[in-house]
Amino acid sequence: MPDVLVLVDHDGEHVNKSTYELLAAARRLGKPAAVVVGAPGTAARLKEPLAHHGATTVHAAVTTEASEFLVTPAVDALELAVRQTSPAAVLVSATTDGREAAGRLAARLDAGLLIDAVDLDSSGVVTQIVFGGSCTVRSQVTHGIPVIALRPGAFEPEEHPVEAGERELAPSPIDPAASARITARRAALASDRPGLTEATVVVSGGRGVGGADGFEVVERLADALGGAVGASRAAVDAGYYPHQFQVGQTGKTVSPQLYVALGISGAIQHLAGMQTSRTIVAVNKDPEAPILDLADYGVVGDLFTVAPQLTQEVAARRAVG
């Protein structure tokens, strides 16, 4: 059975949930093999949880340049792993960095590229969301090694303990003139909430919240549900909430178990980033809002009346146990 390379998304200490999803998807095509790009010791720290989720091999691309350049270290490591192992496919998470890494890798390999995949089968046929979320298609790479970017949340992580071997990759030094160097870092806003793309519940607010203060209602419901907070592009552009929480075609793509949209009309740009959510609940005072057509459960009403009642009910039920 051939290897299927999975690019590991991590913070140096912990593996992100989206990687475990990729490992579950990889088992449909072959033997999952993780590629860890990081400073010395990173792969050793991450080997156990990766093996617990089915990684039969951990390829360690040890480089101090991983924190100095954008995307290039990951592309170099994946290319080297591909040329050494001839895998059945390469899987990455369809994040901003993941999409870029996938595209650059496919160009280097002269290989087929499939972006925004939400499902795949054992024959390599992939289900994709395309044209800003307006169409769903089934595609298959017919030339070269498939490079597939899977949407976070498309697969459920699965525990599948195995004994993992380890191989060291030795990428060539990066050419600074041909790569984007990181010149400064700014800490993201600290939060006890789960990450937006990792959360099983997301509560998002739109222009209908009326302002930055209105997002307190969104945050209270998210906290009651143990979820993350998101925002529409309209809310972000209006300055109601920070850009890092934007959900949509030009923001982050999410596929939680539950997505609650408060005061979001449902522009196609927003729907493209959340329509694969398992269950969608929308609250909007406009009965003609497009998001109500997509929602599994729609409430026509004032979000400032509905959301606090929902928050109170969730809190009461949790208190009961």
C-alpha atoms as a PDB file:
ATOM      1  CA  MET A   1       0.000   0.000   0.000  1.00  0.00           C
ATOM      2  CA  PRO A   2       1.538   3.374  -1.014  1.00  0.00           C
ATOM      3  CA  ASP A   3       2.186   6.238   1.365  1.00  0.00           C
ATOM      4  CA  VAL A   4      -0.019   9.319   1.420  1.00  0.00           C
ATOM      5  CA  LEU A   5       1.907  12.382   2.580  1.00  0.00           C
ATOM      6  CA  VAL A   6       0.191  14.703   5.068  1.00  0.00           C
ATOM      7  CA  LEU A   7       1.611  18.128   5.881  1.00  0.00           C
ATOM      8  CA  VAL A   8       1.417  18.576   9.654  1.00  0.00           C
ATOM      9  CA  ASP A   9      -0.043  21.845  10.899  1.00  0.00           C
ATOM     10  CA  HIS A  10       1.365  22.564  14.367  1.00  0.00           C
ATOM     11  CA  ASP A  11       2.541  25.272  16.747  1.00  0.00           C
ATOM     12  CA  GLY A  12       5.790  23.549  17.677  1.00  0.00           C
ATOM     13  CA  GLU A  13       4.261  21.799  20.674  1.00  0.00           C
ATOM     14  CA  HIS A  14       0.838  20.576  19.592  1.00  0.00           C
ATOM     15  CA  VAL A  15      -0.690  19.166  16.421  1.00  0.00           C
ATOM     16  CA  ASN A  16      -3.714  21.050  15.115  1.00  0.00           C
ATOM     17  CA  LYS A  17      -6.985  19.154  14.788  1.00  0.00           C
ATOM     18  CA  SER A  18      -7.048  19.677  11.023  1.00  0.00           C
ATOM     19  CA  THR A  19      -3.987  17.414  10.695  1.00  0.00           C
ATOM     20  CA  TYR A  20      -5.781  14.546  12.408  1.00  0.00           C
ATOM     21  CA  GLU A  21      -8.597  15.049   9.897  1.00  0.00           C
ATOM     22  CA  LEU A  22      -6.078  14.755   7.058  1.00  0.00           C
ATOM     23  CA  LEU A  23      -4.695  11.526   8.517  1.00  0.00           C
ATOM     24  CA  ALA A  24      -8.213  10.073   8.604  1.00  0.00           C
ATOM     25  CA  ALA A  25      -8.725  11.075   4.968  1.00  0.00           C
ATOM     26  CA  ALA A  26      -5.323   9.690   3.958  1.00  0.00           C
ATOM     27  CA  ARG A  27      -6.275   6.190   5.114  1.00  0.00           C
ATOM     28  CA  ARG A  28      -8.788   6.036   2.278  1.00  0.00           C
ATOM     29  CA  LEU A  29      -5.931   6.231  -0.224  1.00  0.00           C
ATOM     30  CA  GLY A  30      -3.044   4.426   1.458  1.00  0.00           C
ATOM     31  CA  LYS A  31      -0.742   4.606   4.477  1.00  0.00           C
ATOM     32  CA  PRO A  32      -0.691   8.032   6.146  1.00  0.00           C
ATOM     33  CA  ALA A  33       2.812   9.495   6.404  1.00  0.00           C
ATOM     34  CA  ALA A  34       3.252  12.787   8.253  1.00  0.00           C
ATOM     35  CA  VAL A  35       5.668  15.523   7.177  1.00  0.00           C
ATOM     36  CA  VAL A  36       6.736  17.727  10.095  1.00  0.00           C
ATOM     37  CA  VAL A  37       8.586  20.938   9.269  1.00  0.00           C
ATOM     38  CA  GLY A  38      10.175  22.667  12.229  1.00  0.00           C
ATOM     39  CA  ALA A  39      13.128  23.314  14.485  1.00  0.00           C
ATOM     40  CA  PRO A  40      15.200  20.449  15.916  1.00  0.00           C
ATOM     41  CA  GLY A  41      13.143  18.301  18.298  1.00  0.00           C
ATOM     42  CA  THR A  42       9.757  19.276  16.854  1.00  0.00           C
ATOM     43  CA  ALA A  43       9.100  15.956  15.096  1.00  0.00           C
ATOM     44  CA  ALA A  44      10.090  13.980  18.192  1.00  0.00           C
ATOM     45  CA  ARG A  45       7.549  15.906  20.293  1.00  0.00           C
ATOM     46  CA  LEU A  46       4.765  15.373  17.780  1.00  0.00           C
ATOM     47  CA  LYS A  47       5.496  11.762  16.826  1.00  0.00           C
ATOM     48  CA  GLU A  48       3.355  10.127  19.536  1.00  0.00           C
ATOM     49  CA  PRO A  49       0.067  11.978  18.834  1.00  0.00           C
ATOM     50  CA  LEU A  50       0.599  11.566  15.088  1.00  0.00           C
ATOM     51  CA  ALA A  51       1.118   7.813  15.471  1.00  0.00           C
ATOM     52  CA  HIS A  52      -1.944   7.649  17.721  1.00  0.00           C
ATOM     53  CA  HIS A  53      -3.973   9.012  14.807  1.00  0.00           C
ATOM     54  CA  GLY A  54      -2.537   6.656  12.203  1.00  0.00           C
ATOM     55  CA  ALA A  55       0.718   8.132  10.888  1.00  0.00           C
ATOM     56  CA  THR A  56       2.867   5.124   9.967  1.00  0.00           C
ATOM     57  CA  THR A  57       5.905   7.300   9.205  1.00  0.00           C
ATOM     58  CA  VAL A  58       6.982  10.726  10.432  1.00  0.00           C
ATOM     59  CA  HIS A  59       9.223  12.583   7.993  1.00  0.00           C
ATOM     60  CA  ALA A  60      11.192  15.143   9.990  1.00  0.00           C
ATOM     61  CA  ALA A  61      12.266  18.192   7.978  1.00  0.00           C
ATOM     62  CA  VAL A  62      14.578  19.780  10.525  1.00  0.00           C
ATOM     63  CA  THR A  63      15.273  23.412   9.719  1.00  0.00           C
ATOM     64  CA  THR A  64      15.732  26.604  11.660  1.00  0.00           C
ATOM     65  CA  GLU A  65      14.373  28.462   8.631  1.00  0.00           C
ATOM     66  CA  ALA A  66      10.824  27.251   9.223  1.00  0.00           C
ATOM     67  CA  SER A  67      10.137  30.257  11.436  1.00  0.00           C
ATOM     68  CA  GLU A  68      11.961  32.703   9.159  1.00  0.00           C
ATOM     69  CA  PHE A  69      10.164  32.228   5.837  1.00  0.00           C
ATOM     70  CA  LEU A  70       6.552  31.925   4.719  1.00  0.00           C
ATOM     71  CA  VAL A  71       5.428  28.600   3.196  1.00  0.00           C
ATOM     72  CA  THR A  72       8.685  27.878   1.330  1.00  0.00           C
ATOM     73  CA  PRO A  73      10.119  25.509   4.004  1.00  0.00           C
ATOM     74  CA  ALA A  74       6.956  23.393   3.853  1.00  0.00           C
ATOM     75  CA  VAL A  75       6.980  23.293   0.047  1.00  0.00           C
ATOM     76  CA  ASP A  76      10.658  22.287   0.002  1.00  0.00           C
ATOM     77  CA  ALA A  77      10.075  19.514   2.553  1.00  0.00           C
ATOM     78  CA  LEU A  78       7.036  18.137   0.726  1.00  0.00           C
ATOM     79  CA  GLU A  79       8.851  18.157  -2.609  1.00  0.00           C
ATOM     80  CA  LEU A  80      11.783  16.275  -1.110  1.00  0.00           C
ATOM     81  CA  ALA A  81       9.473  13.729   0.553  1.00  0.00           C
ATOM     82  CA  VAL A  82       7.574  13.197  -2.707  1.00  0.00           C
ATOM     83  CA  ARG A  83      10.733  12.572  -4.704  1.00  0.00           C
ATOM     84  CA  GLN A  84      12.015  10.115  -2.090  1.00  0.00           C
ATOM     85  CA  THR A  85       8.814   8.130  -1.537  1.00  0.00           C
ATOM     86  CA  SER A  86       6.605   8.469  -4.679  1.00  0.00           C
ATOM     87  CA  PRO A  87       3.381   8.698  -2.638  1.00  0.00           C
ATOM     88  CA  ALA A  88      -0.148   8.069  -3.876  1.00  0.00           C
ATOM     89  CA  ALA A  89      -1.125  11.647  -2.985  1.00  0.00           C
ATOM     90  CA  VAL A  90      -0.222  14.692  -0.899  1.00  0.00           C
ATOM     91  CA  LEU A  91      -2.811  16.134   1.482  1.00  0.00           C
ATOM     92  CA  VAL A  92      -2.706  19.576   3.083  1.00  0.00           C
ATOM     93  CA  SER A  93      -5.247  21.585   5.023  1.00  0.00           C
ATOM     94  CA  ALA A  94      -7.031  24.221   2.920  1.00  0.00           C
ATOM     95  CA  THR A  95      -5.941  27.140   5.060  1.00  0.00           C
ATOM     96  CA  THR A  96      -4.384  30.275   3.582  1.00  0.00           C
ATOM     97  CA  ASP A  97      -0.868  28.848   3.921  1.00  0.00           C
ATOM     98  CA  GLY A  98      -2.012  25.358   2.963  1.00  0.00           C
ATOM     99  CA  ARG A  99      -3.547  26.494  -0.316  1.00  0.00           C
ATOM    100  CA  GLU A 100      -0.386  28.358  -1.246  1.00  0.00           C
ATOM    101  CA  ALA A 101       1.826  25.403  -0.339  1.00  0.00           C
ATOM    102  CA  ALA A 102      -0.368  23.056  -2.373  1.00  0.00           C
ATOM    103  CA  GLY A 103      -0.300  25.289  -5.423  1.00  0.00           C
ATOM    104  CA  ARG A 104       3.444  25.808  -5.343  1.00  0.00           C
ATOM    105  CA  LEU A 105       4.100  22.095  -4.792  1.00  0.00           C
ATOM    106  CA  ALA A 106       1.854  21.084  -7.683  1.00  0.00           C
ATOM    107  CA  ALA A 107       3.662  23.547  -9.961  1.00  0.00           C
ATOM    108  CA  ARG A 108       7.063  22.138  -8.983  1.00  0.00           C
ATOM    109  CA  LEU A 109       5.914  18.563  -9.532  1.00  0.00           C
ATOM    110  CA  ASP A 110       3.904  19.267 -12.701  1.00  0.00           C
ATOM    111  CA  ALA A 111       1.068  17.550 -10.858  1.00  0.00           C
ATOM    112  CA  GLY A 112      -2.709  17.875 -10.601  1.00  0.00           C
ATOM    113  CA  LEU A 113      -4.079  20.201  -7.922  1.00  0.00           C
ATOM    114  CA  LEU A 114      -7.487  19.973  -6.216  1.00  0.00           C
ATOM    115  CA  ILE A 115      -8.464  22.787  -3.831  1.00  0.00           C
ATOM    116  CA  ASP A 116     -11.321  23.056  -1.314  1.00  0.00           C
ATOM    117  CA  ALA A 117     -12.036  19.338  -1.201  1.00  0.00           C
ATOM    118  CA  VAL A 118     -14.751  18.265   1.228  1.00  0.00           C
ATOM    119  CA  ASP A 119     -14.668  14.529   0.546  1.00  0.00           C
ATOM    120  CA  LEU A 120     -12.639  11.866  -1.257  1.00  0.00           C
ATOM    121  CA  ASP A 121     -13.027   8.164  -1.964  1.00  0.00           C
ATOM    122  CA  SER A 122     -10.616   5.255  -2.214  1.00  0.00           C
ATOM    123  CA  SER A 123     -10.248   5.707  -5.986  1.00  0.00           C
ATOM    124  CA  GLY A 124      -9.009   9.273  -5.575  1.00  0.00           C
ATOM    125  CA  VAL A 125     -12.203  10.989  -6.710  1.00  0.00           C
ATOM    126  CA  VAL A 126     -12.595  14.247  -4.795  1.00  0.00           C
ATOM    127  CA  THR A 127     -15.704  16.295  -4.029  1.00  0.00           C
ATOM    128  CA  GLN A 128     -14.976  20.031  -4.244  1.00  0.00           C
ATOM    129  CA  ILE A 129     -16.758  23.287  -3.530  1.00  0.00           C
ATOM    130  CA  VAL A 130     -16.029  25.641  -6.451  1.00  0.00           C
ATOM    131  CA  PHE A 131     -16.966  29.060  -7.895  1.00  0.00           C
ATOM    132  CA  GLY A 132     -17.298  30.719  -4.520  1.00  0.00           C
ATOM    133  CA  GLY A 133     -19.458  27.946  -3.120  1.00  0.00           C
ATOM    134  CA  SER A 134     -22.056  28.044  -5.887  1.00  0.00           C
ATOM    135  CA  CYS A 135     -21.252  24.580  -7.273  1.00  0.00           C
ATOM    136  CA  THR A 136     -20.197  21.158  -6.018  1.00  0.00           C
ATOM    137  CA  VAL A 137     -18.186  18.984  -8.406  1.00  0.00           C
ATOM    138  CA  ARG A 138     -16.416  15.622  -8.400  1.00  0.00           C
ATOM    139  CA  SER A 139     -12.876  15.668  -9.775  1.00  0.00           C
ATOM    140  CA  GLN A 140      -9.897  13.372 -10.180  1.00  0.00           C
ATOM    141  CA  VAL A 141      -6.266  14.081 -11.012  1.00  0.00           C
ATOM    142  CA  THR A 142      -5.209  12.387 -14.244  1.00  0.00           C
ATOM    143  CA  HIS A 143      -1.617  13.624 -14.440  1.00  0.00           C
ATOM    144  CA  GLY A 144       1.080  13.271 -11.817  1.00  0.00           C
ATOM    145  CA  ILE A 145       0.730  12.849  -8.069  1.00  0.00           C
ATOM    146  CA  PRO A 146      -2.520  14.391  -6.760  1.00  0.00           C
ATOM    147  CA  VAL A 147      -2.028  17.383  -4.468  1.00  0.00           C
ATOM    148  CA  ILE A 148      -5.240  17.866  -2.495  1.00  0.00           C
ATOM    149  CA  ALA A 149      -6.197  20.679  -0.121  1.00  0.00           C
ATOM    150  CA  LEU A 150      -8.977  19.520   2.221  1.00  0.00           C
ATOM    151  CA  ARG A 151     -11.236  21.945   4.013  1.00  0.00           C
ATOM    152  CA  PRO A 152     -10.827  21.885   7.799  1.00  0.00           C
ATOM    153  CA  GLY A 153     -13.794  20.082   9.325  1.00  0.00           C
ATOM    154  CA  ALA A 154     -14.495  17.977   6.225  1.00  0.00           C
ATOM    155  CA  PHE A 155     -13.395  14.773   8.007  1.00  0.00           C
ATOM    156  CA  GLU A 156     -13.720  13.584  11.569  1.00  0.00           C
ATOM    157  CA  PRO A 157     -10.432  12.823  13.381  1.00  0.00           C
ATOM    158  CA  GLU A 158     -10.062   9.130  14.185  1.00  0.00           C
ATOM    159  CA  GLU A 159      -7.824   7.439  16.716  1.00  0.00           C
ATOM    160  CA  HIS A 160      -5.908   4.699  14.915  1.00  0.00           C
ATOM    161  CA  PRO A 161      -2.792   3.830  16.974  1.00  0.00           C
ATOM    162  CA  VAL A 162       0.161   2.462  15.019  1.00  0.00           C
ATOM    163  CA  GLU A 163       3.918   2.158  15.426  1.00  0.00           C
ATOM    164  CA  ALA A 164       5.431   5.066  13.540  1.00  0.00           C
ATOM    165  CA  GLY A 165       8.842   5.013  11.945  1.00  0.00           C
ATOM    166  CA  GLU A 166      10.871   8.187  11.560  1.00  0.00           C
ATOM    167  CA  ARG A 167      12.835   9.496   8.586  1.00  0.00           C
ATOM    168  CA  GLU A 168      14.865  12.663   8.402  1.00  0.00           C
ATOM    169  CA  LEU A 169      14.574  15.009   5.460  1.00  0.00           C
ATOM    170  CA  ALA A 170      17.374  17.412   4.670  1.00  0.00           C
ATOM    171  CA  PRO A 171      15.976  20.257   2.550  1.00  0.00           C
ATOM    172  CA  SER A 172      18.446  22.527   0.786  1.00  0.00           C
ATOM    173  CA  PRO A 173      19.002  25.998   2.255  1.00  0.00           C
ATOM    174  CA  ILE A 174      16.353  28.506   1.185  1.00  0.00           C
ATOM    175  CA  ASP A 175      17.226  31.183  -1.346  1.00  0.00           C
ATOM    176  CA  PRO A 176      16.206  34.426   0.430  1.00  0.00           C
ATOM    177  CA  ALA A 177      15.899  36.267  -2.878  1.00  0.00           C
ATOM    178  CA  ALA A 178      13.179  33.876  -4.032  1.00  0.00           C
ATOM    179  CA  SER A 179      11.233  33.591  -0.772  1.00  0.00           C
ATOM    180  CA  ALA A 180       9.140  35.781   1.493  1.00  0.00           C
ATOM    181  CA  ARG A 181      10.967  36.388   4.769  1.00  0.00           C
ATOM    182  CA  ILE A 182       9.119  37.054   8.017  1.00  0.00           C
ATOM    183  CA  THR A 183      10.421  40.386   9.299  1.00  0.00           C
ATOM    184  CA  ALA A 184       8.157  40.897  12.324  1.00  0.00           C
ATOM    185  CA  ARG A 185       5.531  39.130  14.380  1.00  0.00           C
ATOM    186  CA  ARG A 186       2.550  40.446  16.283  1.00  0.00           C
ATOM    187  CA  ALA A 187       0.758  38.358  18.884  1.00  0.00           C
ATOM    188  CA  ALA A 188      -2.845  37.484  18.079  1.00  0.00           C
ATOM    189  CA  LEU A 189      -5.576  38.438  20.499  1.00  0.00           C
ATOM    190  CA  ALA A 190      -5.501  35.983  23.399  1.00  0.00           C
ATOM    191  CA  SER A 191      -8.658  33.953  23.897  1.00  0.00           C
ATOM    192  CA  ASP A 192      -9.825  30.915  25.826  1.00  0.00           C
ATOM    193  CA  ARG A 193     -12.167  30.011  22.977  1.00  0.00           C
ATOM    194  CA  PRO A 194     -11.260  27.287  20.470  1.00  0.00           C
ATOM    195  CA  GLY A 195      -9.634  28.317  17.210  1.00  0.00           C
ATOM    196  CA  LEU A 196     -12.066  29.280  14.476  1.00  0.00           C
ATOM    197  CA  THR A 197     -11.116  26.524  12.031  1.00  0.00           C
ATOM    198  CA  GLU A 198     -10.751  23.936  14.816  1.00  0.00           C
ATOM    199  CA  ALA A 199     -14.040  24.560  16.623  1.00  0.00           C
ATOM    200  CA  THR A 200     -16.988  22.174  16.502  1.00  0.00           C
ATOM    201  CA  VAL A 201     -19.340  25.116  17.162  1.00  0.00           C
ATOM    202  CA  VAL A 202     -19.064  28.563  15.574  1.00  0.00           C
ATOM    203  CA  VAL A 203     -21.311  31.536  16.316  1.00  0.00           C
ATOM    204  CA  SER A 204     -20.904  34.384  13.820  1.00  0.00           C
ATOM    205  CA  GLY A 205     -22.239  37.917  13.738  1.00  0.00           C
ATOM    206  CA  GLY A 206     -22.932  40.136  10.761  1.00  0.00           C
ATOM    207  CA  ARG A 207     -23.873  43.695   9.997  1.00  0.00           C
ATOM    208  CA  GLY A 208     -27.132  43.073  11.824  1.00  0.00           C
ATOM    209  CA  VAL A 209     -25.407  43.212  15.221  1.00  0.00           C
ATOM    210  CA  GLY A 210     -25.253  46.966  14.678  1.00  0.00           C
ATOM    211  CA  GLY A 211     -21.779  47.649  16.022  1.00  0.00           C
ATOM    212  CA  ALA A 212     -18.839  46.382  18.053  1.00  0.00           C
ATOM    213  CA  ASP A 213     -20.902  46.404  21.254  1.00  0.00           C
ATOM    214  CA  GLY A 214     -23.461  44.157  19.605  1.00  0.00           C
ATOM    215  CA  PHE A 215     -20.903  41.369  19.368  1.00  0.00           C
ATOM    216  CA  GLU A 216     -21.245  40.839  23.117  1.00  0.00           C
ATOM    217  CA  VAL A 217     -24.450  38.945  22.326  1.00  0.00           C
ATOM    218  CA  VAL A 218     -22.545  36.783  19.832  1.00  0.00           C
ATOM    219  CA  GLU A 219     -19.746  36.116  22.306  1.00  0.00           C
ATOM    220  CA  ARG A 220     -22.107  35.150  25.131  1.00  0.00           C
ATOM    221  CA  LEU A 221     -23.859  32.564  22.970  1.00  0.00           C
ATOM    222  CA  ALA A 222     -20.528  31.203  21.706  1.00  0.00           C
ATOM    223  CA  ASP A 223     -19.262  30.860  25.272  1.00  0.00           C
ATOM    224  CA  ALA A 224     -22.451  29.113  26.388  1.00  0.00           C
ATOM    225  CA  LEU A 225     -22.016  26.603  23.551  1.00  0.00           C
ATOM    226  CA  GLY A 226     -18.267  26.238  24.083  1.00  0.00           C
ATOM    227  CA  GLY A 227     -17.641  27.524  20.571  1.00  0.00           C
ATOM    228  CA  ALA A 228     -15.650  30.038  18.571  1.00  0.00           C
ATOM    229  CA  VAL A 229     -16.717  33.493  17.418  1.00  0.00           C
ATOM    230  CA  GLY A 230     -16.800  34.422  13.734  1.00  0.00           C
ATOM    231  CA  ALA A 231     -17.809  37.462  11.733  1.00  0.00           C
ATOM    232  CA  SER A 232     -19.018  38.259   8.243  1.00  0.00           C
ATOM    233  CA  ARG A 233     -16.981  40.427   5.892  1.00  0.00           C
ATOM    234  CA  ALA A 234     -19.527  43.216   6.249  1.00  0.00           C
ATOM    235  CA  ALA A 235     -19.069  43.215  10.029  1.00  0.00           C
ATOM    236  CA  VAL A 236     -15.286  43.152   9.723  1.00  0.00           C
ATOM    237  CA  ASP A 237     -15.186  45.908   7.097  1.00  0.00           C
ATOM    238  CA  ALA A 238     -17.406  48.031   9.335  1.00  0.00           C
ATOM    239  CA  GLY A 239     -14.919  47.624  12.190  1.00  0.00           C
ATOM    240  CA  TYR A 240     -17.257  45.599  14.404  1.00  0.00           C
ATOM    241  CA  TYR A 241     -14.789  42.714  14.889  1.00  0.00           C
ATOM    242  CA  PRO A 242     -11.130  41.930  14.042  1.00  0.00           C
ATOM    243  CA  HIS A 243     -10.306  40.608  10.574  1.00  0.00           C
ATOM    244  CA  GLN A 244      -8.740  37.395  11.929  1.00  0.00           C
ATOM    245  CA  PHE A 245     -12.260  36.163  12.769  1.00  0.00           C
ATOM    246  CA  GLN A 246     -13.734  36.697   9.304  1.00  0.00           C
ATOM    247  CA  VAL A 247     -15.549  33.714   7.809  1.00  0.00           C
ATOM    248  CA  GLY A 248     -15.941  33.616   4.051  1.00  0.00           C
ATOM    249  CA  GLN A 249     -14.243  33.419   0.695  1.00  0.00           C
ATOM    250  CA  THR A 250     -11.675  36.060   1.635  1.00  0.00           C
ATOM    251  CA  GLY A 251     -11.543  34.966   5.270  1.00  0.00           C
ATOM    252  CA  LYS A 252     -11.457  31.570   6.918  1.00  0.00           C
ATOM    253  CA  THR A 253     -13.322  28.463   5.824  1.00  0.00           C
ATOM    254  CA  VAL A 254     -15.081  26.534   8.585  1.00  0.00           C
ATOM    255  CA  SER A 255     -17.036  23.268   8.702  1.00  0.00           C
ATOM    256  CA  PRO A 256     -18.182  22.888  12.320  1.00  0.00           C
ATOM    257  CA  GLN A 257     -20.830  20.554  13.620  1.00  0.00           C
ATOM    258  CA  LEU A 258     -22.977  23.615  14.404  1.00  0.00           C
ATOM    259  CA  TYR A 259     -22.867  27.064  12.779  1.00  0.00           C
ATOM    260  CA  VAL A 260     -25.052  29.847  14.183  1.00  0.00           C
ATOM    261  CA  ALA A 261     -25.415  32.990  12.057  1.00  0.00           C
ATOM    262  CA  LEU A 262     -26.717  36.082  13.855  1.00  0.00           C
ATOM    263  CA  GLY A 263     -27.651  39.084  11.740  1.00  0.00           C
ATOM    264  CA  ILE A 264     -25.944  37.721   8.615  1.00  0.00           C
ATOM    265  CA  SER A 265     -27.862  38.150   5.369  1.00  0.00           C
ATOM    266  CA  GLY A 266     -25.991  35.415   3.516  1.00  0.00           C
ATOM    267  CA  ALA A 267     -23.945  36.969   0.728  1.00  0.00           C
ATOM    268  CA  ILE A 268     -22.349  34.314  -1.493  1.00  0.00           C
ATOM    269  CA  GLN A 269     -18.920  35.385  -0.225  1.00  0.00           C
ATOM    270  CA  HIS A 270     -19.906  34.375   3.312  1.00  0.00           C
ATOM    271  CA  LEU A 271     -21.737  31.209   2.320  1.00  0.00           C
ATOM    272  CA  ALA A 272     -18.606  29.988   0.527  1.00  0.00           C
ATOM    273  CA  GLY A 273     -16.822  29.862   3.868  1.00  0.00           C
ATOM    274  CA  MET A 274     -19.398  28.007   5.978  1.00  0.00           C
ATOM    275  CA  GLN A 275     -21.927  26.153   3.846  1.00  0.00           C
ATOM    276  CA  THR A 276     -20.355  22.753   4.530  1.00  0.00           C
ATOM    277  CA  SER A 277     -21.204  23.068   8.237  1.00  0.00           C
ATOM    278  CA  ARG A 278     -23.138  20.037   9.476  1.00  0.00           C
ATOM    279  CA  THR A 279     -26.035  22.022  10.989  1.00  0.00           C
ATOM    280  CA  ILE A 280     -26.744  25.697  10.266  1.00  0.00           C
ATOM    281  CA  VAL A 281     -28.973  27.914  12.411  1.00  0.00           C
ATOM    282  CA  ALA A 282     -29.733  31.436  11.218  1.00  0.00           C
ATOM    283  CA  VAL A 283     -31.413  34.312  13.028  1.00  0.00           C
ATOM    284  CA  ASN A 284     -32.410  37.285  10.876  1.00  0.00           C
ATOM    285  CA  LYS A 285     -35.240  39.787  10.982  1.00  0.00           C
ATOM    286  CA  ASP A 286     -35.504  39.775   7.182  1.00  0.00           C
ATOM    287  CA  PRO A 287     -37.616  36.778   6.032  1.00  0.00           C
ATOM    288  CA  GLU A 288     -36.074  37.119   2.552  1.00  0.00           C
ATOM    289  CA  ALA A 289     -32.453  36.842   3.764  1.00  0.00           C
ATOM    290  CA  PRO A 290     -30.617  34.324   1.527  1.00  0.00           C
ATOM    291  CA  ILE A 291     -29.044  32.556   4.491  1.00  0.00           C
ATOM    292  CA  LEU A 292     -32.478  31.320   5.568  1.00  0.00           C
ATOM    293  CA  ASP A 293     -32.643  29.258   2.372  1.00  0.00           C
ATOM    294  CA  LEU A 294     -29.411  27.494   3.331  1.00  0.00           C
ATOM    295  CA  ALA A 295     -30.110  27.118   7.045  1.00  0.00           C
ATOM    296  CA  ASP A 296     -31.359  23.871   8.559  1.00  0.00           C
ATOM    297  CA  TYR A 297     -33.180  25.960  11.163  1.00  0.00           C
ATOM    298  CA  GLY A 298     -34.162  29.573  10.558  1.00  0.00           C
ATOM    299  CA  VAL A 299     -35.607  32.081  12.996  1.00  0.00           C
ATOM    300  CA  VAL A 300     -37.153  35.291  11.667  1.00  0.00           C
ATOM    301  CA  GLY A 301     -36.778  37.734  14.501  1.00  0.00           C
ATOM    302  CA  ASP A 302     -34.609  40.240  16.341  1.00  0.00           C
ATOM    303  CA  LEU A 303     -31.270  38.633  17.205  1.00  0.00           C
ATOM    304  CA  PHE A 304     -31.082  40.746  20.373  1.00  0.00           C
ATOM    305  CA  THR A 305     -34.250  38.997  21.567  1.00  0.00           C
ATOM    306  CA  VAL A 306     -33.606  35.508  20.224  1.00  0.00           C
ATOM    307  CA  ALA A 307     -29.881  35.079  21.006  1.00  0.00           C
ATOM    308  CA  PRO A 308     -30.075  35.978  24.740  1.00  0.00           C
ATOM    309  CA  GLN A 309     -33.000  33.571  25.175  1.00  0.00           C
ATOM    310  CA  LEU A 310     -31.023  30.840  23.434  1.00  0.00           C
ATOM    311  CA  THR A 311     -27.977  31.601  25.568  1.00  0.00           C
ATOM    312  CA  GLN A 312     -30.069  31.395  28.736  1.00  0.00           C
ATOM    313  CA  GLU A 313     -31.621  28.093  27.673  1.00  0.00           C
ATOM    314  CA  VAL A 314     -28.245  26.533  26.779  1.00  0.00           C
ATOM    315  CA  ALA A 315     -26.771  27.638  30.122  1.00  0.00           C
ATOM    316  CA  ALA A 316     -29.766  26.227  32.012  1.00  0.00           C
ATOM    317  CA  ARG A 317     -29.526  22.851  30.297  1.00  0.00           C
ATOM    318  CA  ARG A 318     -25.800  22.649  30.915  1.00  0.00           C
ATOM    319  CA  ALA A 319     -26.358  23.421  34.576  1.00  0.00           C
ATOM    320  CA  VAL A 320     -28.752  20.498  34.814  1.00  0.00           C
ATOM    321  CA  GLY A 321     -26.107  18.259  33.272  1.00  0.00           C
END
